[in-house]
Amino acid sequence: MDTPSETRDSVPGSAAPSRSMGRYELRVGSHLDARLGDWLGAERVHNHADGEATLTTPPLDQAALHGVLARIRDLNLTLIAVRRTARGV
């Protein structure tokens, strides 16, 4: 039986549930080089023929995702889409 502070989605010894971690694809409105992708914390940058780029992230919690989104905003990049692709581990 779960205690009030522990659920089946909890990581032992962690206050945050594991379901808050996830991998994301962030699509932006311009091509990015690998150096900028590294600065944004992306595992992979894919530049599309239409002039947009997709960043694939490692597993991130919500705070880290918001940090990446803030950097995208600070660079004045157009955010096209955010898609959660998988739960983090």
N, C-alpha and C. Protein backbone atom coordinates (compact mmCIF):
# COMPACT_ATOMS: atom_id res chain seq x y z
N MET A 1 0.84 -1.18 0.00
CA MET A 1 0.00 0.00 0.00
C MET A 1 0.89 1.24 0.00
N ASP A 2 0.52 2.22 -0.76
CA ASP A 2 1.26 3.46 -0.84
C ASP A 2 0.96 4.35 0.35
N THR A 3 2.00 5.01 0.83
CA THR A 3 1.80 6.01 1.87
C THR A 3 1.44 7.32 1.19
N PRO A 4 0.91 8.31 1.91
CA PRO A 4 0.54 9.58 1.28
C PRO A 4 1.70 10.25 0.56
N SER A 5 2.93 10.08 1.04
CA SER A 5 4.07 10.74 0.40
C SER A 5 4.73 9.87 -0.67
N GLU A 6 4.20 8.67 -0.89
CA GLU A 6 4.80 7.76 -1.85
C GLU A 6 3.72 7.20 -2.78
N THR A 7 3.96 7.28 -4.06
CA THR A 7 3.05 6.70 -5.03
C THR A 7 3.82 5.73 -5.90
N ARG A 8 3.16 4.98 -6.71
CA ARG A 8 3.85 4.02 -7.57
C ARG A 8 4.71 4.71 -8.63
N ASP A 9 4.45 6.01 -8.90
CA ASP A 9 5.24 6.76 -9.87
C ASP A 9 6.43 7.47 -9.23
N SER A 10 6.60 7.33 -7.92
CA SER A 10 7.68 8.02 -7.24
C SER A 10 9.01 7.32 -7.45
N VAL A 11 10.05 8.10 -7.51
CA VAL A 11 11.40 7.58 -7.54
C VAL A 11 11.85 7.47 -6.09
N PRO A 12 12.32 6.29 -5.65
CA PRO A 12 12.74 6.16 -4.26
C PRO A 12 13.77 7.23 -3.89
N GLY A 13 13.55 7.88 -2.75
CA GLY A 13 14.46 8.91 -2.30
C GLY A 13 14.29 10.25 -2.99
N SER A 14 13.29 10.37 -3.85
CA SER A 14 13.05 11.61 -4.58
C SER A 14 11.70 12.18 -4.20
N ALA A 15 11.65 13.50 -4.08
CA ALA A 15 10.39 14.15 -3.76
C ALA A 15 9.50 14.28 -5.00
N ALA A 16 10.12 14.27 -6.18
CA ALA A 16 9.37 14.46 -7.42
C ALA A 16 9.03 13.12 -8.06
N PRO A 17 7.82 12.95 -8.55
CA PRO A 17 7.47 11.71 -9.23
C PRO A 17 8.21 11.59 -10.55
N SER A 18 8.54 10.35 -10.95
CA SER A 18 9.28 10.12 -12.18
C SER A 18 8.50 10.55 -13.41
N ARG A 19 7.18 10.62 -13.31
CA ARG A 19 6.38 11.00 -14.47
C ARG A 19 6.63 12.45 -14.89
N SER A 20 7.30 13.25 -14.04
CA SER A 20 7.59 14.63 -14.40
C SER A 20 8.79 14.72 -15.34
N MET A 21 9.53 13.63 -15.49
CA MET A 21 10.66 13.60 -16.42
C MET A 21 10.16 13.19 -17.79
N GLY A 22 10.73 13.77 -18.83
CA GLY A 22 10.34 13.38 -20.17
C GLY A 22 11.36 13.84 -21.19
N ARG A 23 11.33 13.17 -22.32
CA ARG A 23 12.13 13.61 -23.48
C ARG A 23 11.19 14.44 -24.34
N TYR A 24 11.75 15.46 -24.97
CA TYR A 24 10.94 16.38 -25.75
C TYR A 24 11.56 16.65 -27.11
N GLU A 25 10.69 16.94 -28.06
CA GLU A 25 11.10 17.49 -29.35
C GLU A 25 10.58 18.92 -29.41
N LEU A 26 11.48 19.85 -29.61
CA LEU A 26 11.12 21.27 -29.69
C LEU A 26 11.41 21.73 -31.12
N ARG A 27 10.39 22.19 -31.80
CA ARG A 27 10.56 22.65 -33.18
C ARG A 27 10.61 24.18 -33.18
N VAL A 28 11.65 24.72 -33.81
CA VAL A 28 11.84 26.17 -33.87
C VAL A 28 11.87 26.61 -35.33
N GLY A 29 11.66 27.90 -35.54
CA GLY A 29 11.48 28.43 -36.88
C GLY A 29 12.73 28.81 -37.64
N SER A 30 13.89 28.29 -37.26
CA SER A 30 15.11 28.56 -38.03
C SER A 30 16.11 27.44 -37.81
N HIS A 31 17.04 27.31 -38.74
CA HIS A 31 18.09 26.30 -38.61
C HIS A 31 19.02 26.66 -37.46
N LEU A 32 19.56 25.64 -36.82
CA LEU A 32 20.50 25.80 -35.71
C LEU A 32 21.75 24.98 -35.99
N ASP A 33 22.90 25.50 -35.58
CA ASP A 33 24.11 24.69 -35.70
C ASP A 33 24.28 23.84 -34.43
N ALA A 34 25.19 22.89 -34.49
CA ALA A 34 25.38 21.95 -33.38
C ALA A 34 25.82 22.67 -32.10
N ARG A 35 26.62 23.71 -32.23
CA ARG A 35 27.09 24.45 -31.06
C ARG A 35 25.92 25.09 -30.31
N LEU A 36 25.00 25.67 -31.03
CA LEU A 36 23.82 26.27 -30.40
C LEU A 36 22.92 25.18 -29.81
N GLY A 37 22.82 24.06 -30.50
CA GLY A 37 22.07 22.93 -29.96
C GLY A 37 22.65 22.45 -28.64
N ASP A 38 23.98 22.39 -28.56
CA ASP A 38 24.64 22.01 -27.31
C ASP A 38 24.32 23.02 -26.21
N TRP A 39 24.35 24.31 -26.53
CA TRP A 39 24.08 25.34 -25.54
C TRP A 39 22.64 25.24 -25.04
N LEU A 40 21.74 24.82 -25.91
CA LEU A 40 20.34 24.64 -25.52
C LEU A 40 20.10 23.32 -24.79
N GLY A 41 21.13 22.45 -24.73
CA GLY A 41 20.99 21.18 -24.03
C GLY A 41 20.40 20.07 -24.86
N ALA A 42 20.41 20.21 -26.18
CA ALA A 42 19.82 19.20 -27.06
C ALA A 42 20.76 18.02 -27.25
N GLU A 43 20.20 16.82 -27.31
CA GLU A 43 20.97 15.64 -27.69
C GLU A 43 21.19 15.61 -29.19
N ARG A 44 20.22 16.16 -29.91
CA ARG A 44 20.25 16.11 -31.37
C ARG A 44 19.58 17.34 -31.93
N VAL A 45 20.13 17.85 -33.05
CA VAL A 45 19.51 18.94 -33.80
C VAL A 45 19.30 18.45 -35.22
N HIS A 46 18.08 18.54 -35.70
CA HIS A 46 17.78 18.15 -37.08
C HIS A 46 17.24 19.38 -37.81
N ASN A 47 17.98 19.85 -38.81
CA ASN A 47 17.53 20.98 -39.62
C ASN A 47 16.71 20.45 -40.79
N HIS A 48 15.52 20.99 -40.96
CA HIS A 48 14.59 20.55 -41.98
C HIS A 48 14.73 21.42 -43.24
N ALA A 49 14.33 20.87 -44.37
CA ALA A 49 14.41 21.59 -45.65
C ALA A 49 13.55 22.84 -45.66
N ASP A 50 12.51 22.89 -44.81
CA ASP A 50 11.62 24.06 -44.79
C ASP A 50 12.17 25.23 -43.97
N GLY A 51 13.41 25.12 -43.48
CA GLY A 51 14.02 26.19 -42.72
C GLY A 51 13.82 26.10 -41.22
N GLU A 52 13.10 25.11 -40.75
CA GLU A 52 12.88 24.91 -39.33
C GLU A 52 13.86 23.86 -38.80
N ALA A 53 13.95 23.76 -37.48
CA ALA A 53 14.83 22.78 -36.85
C ALA A 53 14.09 22.10 -35.69
N THR A 54 14.44 20.85 -35.44
CA THR A 54 13.90 20.11 -34.30
C THR A 54 15.04 19.77 -33.37
N LEU A 55 14.86 20.13 -32.10
CA LEU A 55 15.80 19.79 -31.04
C LEU A 55 15.23 18.61 -30.28
N THR A 56 16.02 17.58 -30.04
CA THR A 56 15.61 16.45 -29.22
C THR A 56 16.37 16.54 -27.91
N THR A 57 15.65 16.51 -26.79
CA THR A 57 16.28 16.68 -25.49
C THR A 57 16.56 15.34 -24.82
N PRO A 58 17.50 15.34 -23.87
CA PRO A 58 17.61 14.20 -22.97
C PRO A 58 16.44 14.26 -22.00
N PRO A 59 16.28 13.28 -21.11
CA PRO A 59 15.20 13.36 -20.13
C PRO A 59 15.32 14.65 -19.31
N LEU A 60 14.23 15.40 -19.25
CA LEU A 60 14.20 16.67 -18.51
C LEU A 60 13.03 16.68 -17.54
N ASP A 61 13.22 17.32 -16.40
CA ASP A 61 12.07 17.59 -15.54
C ASP A 61 11.47 18.92 -16.00
N GLN A 62 10.38 19.31 -15.38
CA GLN A 62 9.67 20.51 -15.82
C GLN A 62 10.51 21.77 -15.67
N ALA A 63 11.31 21.86 -14.59
CA ALA A 63 12.15 23.04 -14.40
C ALA A 63 13.19 23.16 -15.50
N ALA A 64 13.82 22.04 -15.87
CA ALA A 64 14.82 22.06 -16.93
C ALA A 64 14.18 22.39 -18.28
N LEU A 65 12.98 21.87 -18.54
CA LEU A 65 12.27 22.19 -19.78
C LEU A 65 11.99 23.68 -19.86
N HIS A 66 11.56 24.27 -18.77
CA HIS A 66 11.30 25.71 -18.75
C HIS A 66 12.58 26.50 -18.98
N GLY A 67 13.71 25.98 -18.50
CA GLY A 67 14.99 26.63 -18.74
C GLY A 67 15.35 26.64 -20.22
N VAL A 68 15.12 25.51 -20.90
CA VAL A 68 15.37 25.44 -22.35
C VAL A 68 14.44 26.38 -23.08
N LEU A 69 13.17 26.40 -22.71
CA LEU A 69 12.21 27.31 -23.35
C LEU A 69 12.60 28.77 -23.14
N ALA A 70 13.13 29.10 -21.97
CA ALA A 70 13.58 30.47 -21.71
C ALA A 70 14.76 30.84 -22.60
N ARG A 71 15.67 29.90 -22.82
CA ARG A 71 16.81 30.17 -23.72
C ARG A 71 16.33 30.38 -25.15
N ILE A 72 15.36 29.57 -25.57
CA ILE A 72 14.80 29.75 -26.92
C ILE A 72 14.18 31.14 -27.03
N ARG A 73 13.44 31.54 -26.01
CA ARG A 73 12.85 32.89 -25.99
C ARG A 73 13.93 33.97 -26.02
N ASP A 74 14.97 33.80 -25.20
CA ASP A 74 16.05 34.79 -25.12
C ASP A 74 16.79 34.95 -26.44
N LEU A 75 16.83 33.88 -27.23
CA LEU A 75 17.46 33.95 -28.56
C LEU A 75 16.51 34.50 -29.62
N ASN A 76 15.28 34.81 -29.21
CA ASN A 76 14.26 35.33 -30.11
C ASN A 76 13.94 34.35 -31.24
N LEU A 77 14.01 33.05 -30.91
CA LEU A 77 13.63 32.02 -31.88
C LEU A 77 12.12 31.82 -31.82
N THR A 78 11.53 31.54 -32.95
CA THR A 78 10.10 31.24 -32.99
C THR A 78 9.89 29.79 -32.60
N LEU A 79 9.13 29.56 -31.54
CA LEU A 79 8.81 28.21 -31.10
C LEU A 79 7.58 27.73 -31.87
N ILE A 80 7.76 26.67 -32.64
CA ILE A 80 6.68 26.14 -33.47
C ILE A 80 5.87 25.09 -32.70
N ALA A 81 6.57 24.19 -32.02
CA ALA A 81 5.88 23.09 -31.33
C ALA A 81 6.75 22.51 -30.24
N VAL A 82 6.09 21.97 -29.21
CA VAL A 82 6.74 21.19 -28.16
C VAL A 82 5.98 19.89 -28.07
N ARG A 83 6.72 18.79 -28.18
CA ARG A 83 6.07 17.46 -28.13
C ARG A 83 6.84 16.55 -27.18
N ARG A 84 6.14 16.00 -26.21
CA ARG A 84 6.76 15.03 -25.31
C ARG A 84 6.80 13.69 -26.03
N THR A 85 7.99 13.12 -26.14
CA THR A 85 8.14 11.90 -26.91
C THR A 85 8.19 10.65 -26.05
N ALA A 86 8.68 10.77 -24.81
CA ALA A 86 8.78 9.59 -23.94
C ALA A 86 9.01 10.03 -22.51
N ARG A 87 8.63 9.16 -21.60
CA ARG A 87 8.95 9.40 -20.19
C ARG A 87 10.44 9.24 -19.99
N GLY A 88 10.98 10.03 -19.09
CA GLY A 88 12.39 9.91 -18.73
C GLY A 88 12.61 8.73 -17.81
N VAL A 89 13.85 8.39 -17.62
CA VAL A 89 14.19 7.28 -16.74
C VAL A 89 15.07 7.77 -15.64
